[in-house]
């Protein structure tokens, strides 16, 4: 397969920083003993934001890493990439 250049995910750093702030906010809400449903609403927002980041990284992985393996026409590399994807979703 040779040297593979991984995609640049640096554009997601701002979103991750925002998520980090949301998690800190949930922590503060818990310590302040805020209303349960308000806390749950915020945890759902964090989960949604993380799913969005996850989807973007997966899209990028498929468009770059997996596409590179498929176009390299190397069955071993193709099987490796497919196994990686299956393993991540089994977790």
Protein backbone atom coordinates (compact mmCIF):
# COMPACT_ATOMS: atom_id res chain seq x y z
CA UNK A 1 0.00 0.00 0.00
CA UNK A 2 2.91 2.35 0.55
CA UNK A 3 2.68 5.67 2.31
CA UNK A 4 -0.88 6.80 2.89
CA UNK A 5 -1.66 10.44 3.58
CA UNK A 6 -4.43 10.61 6.17
CA UNK A 7 -7.15 13.24 5.68
CA UNK A 8 -6.90 16.55 7.50
CA UNK A 9 -9.59 16.78 10.18
CA UNK A 10 -8.38 20.07 11.64
CA UNK A 11 -11.59 21.79 10.52
CA UNK A 12 -13.35 19.76 13.21
CA UNK A 13 -11.29 21.25 16.04
CA UNK A 14 -13.69 24.19 16.55
CA UNK A 15 -16.62 21.79 16.74
CA UNK A 16 -14.76 19.57 19.20
CA UNK A 17 -13.92 22.61 21.34
CA UNK A 18 -17.61 23.51 21.36
CA UNK A 19 -18.50 19.97 22.41
CA UNK A 20 -15.89 20.18 25.15
CA UNK A 21 -17.61 23.34 26.39
CA UNK A 22 -20.99 21.60 26.26
CA UNK A 23 -19.63 18.72 28.37
CA UNK A 24 -18.23 21.20 30.90
CA UNK A 25 -21.67 22.83 30.98
CA UNK A 26 -23.33 19.49 31.71
CA UNK A 27 -20.81 18.89 34.49
CA UNK A 28 -21.68 22.27 35.98
CA UNK A 29 -25.40 21.55 35.69
CA UNK A 30 -24.93 18.29 37.57
CA UNK A 31 -22.91 19.96 40.33
CA UNK A 32 -25.56 22.66 40.63
CA UNK A 33 -28.22 19.95 40.92
CA UNK A 34 -30.19 21.32 38.00
CA UNK A 35 -33.44 19.81 36.80
CA UNK A 36 -32.94 16.29 35.41
CA UNK A 37 -34.66 16.93 32.08
CA UNK A 38 -32.55 20.04 31.47
CA UNK A 39 -29.41 17.97 32.03
CA UNK A 40 -30.73 15.23 29.77
CA UNK A 41 -31.48 17.76 27.03
CA UNK A 42 -27.88 18.93 27.18
CA UNK A 43 -26.44 15.40 27.16
CA UNK A 44 -28.55 14.66 24.07
CA UNK A 45 -27.15 17.78 22.40
CA UNK A 46 -23.60 16.59 23.17
CA UNK A 47 -24.36 13.14 21.77
CA UNK A 48 -25.83 14.67 18.62
CA UNK A 49 -22.81 16.92 18.12
CA UNK A 50 -20.44 13.96 18.58
CA UNK A 51 -22.44 11.87 16.10
CA UNK A 52 -22.10 14.69 13.60
CA UNK A 53 -18.32 14.78 14.04
CA UNK A 54 -18.21 10.99 13.82
CA UNK A 55 -20.20 11.05 10.56
CA UNK A 56 -17.85 13.63 9.05
CA UNK A 57 -14.76 11.61 9.96
CA UNK A 58 -16.36 8.43 8.59
CA UNK A 59 -17.27 10.21 5.35
CA UNK A 60 -13.72 11.45 5.02
CA UNK A 61 -12.31 8.00 5.79
CA UNK A 62 -14.47 6.39 3.13
CA UNK A 63 -13.71 9.10 0.58
CA UNK A 64 -9.96 8.97 1.12
CA UNK A 65 -8.56 5.95 2.97
CA UNK A 66 -11.03 3.35 1.73
CA UNK A 67 -11.17 4.81 -1.77
CA UNK A 68 -7.36 4.68 -1.95
CA UNK A 69 -7.38 1.01 -0.93
CA UNK A 70 -10.08 0.19 -3.49
CA UNK A 71 -8.30 1.93 -6.34
CA UNK A 72 -4.95 0.33 -5.42
CA UNK A 73 -6.44 -2.97 -6.63
CA UNK A 74 -4.86 -4.91 -3.76
CA UNK A 75 -7.27 -7.45 -2.27
CA UNK A 76 -5.34 -7.61 1.01
CA UNK A 77 -5.59 -3.82 1.51
CA UNK A 78 -9.26 -3.80 0.53
CA UNK A 79 -10.07 -6.58 3.01
CA UNK A 80 -8.10 -4.76 5.72
CA UNK A 81 -10.09 -1.54 5.23
CA UNK A 82 -13.41 -3.37 5.18
CA UNK A 83 -12.49 -5.27 8.36
CA UNK A 84 -11.53 -1.98 10.04
CA UNK A 85 -14.94 -0.50 9.30
CA UNK A 86 -16.80 -3.58 10.52
CA UNK A 87 -14.69 -3.65 13.73
CA UNK A 88 -15.38 0.00 14.58
CA UNK A 89 -19.13 -0.55 14.31
CA UNK A 90 -19.01 -3.72 16.41
CA UNK A 91 -17.67 -1.73 19.38
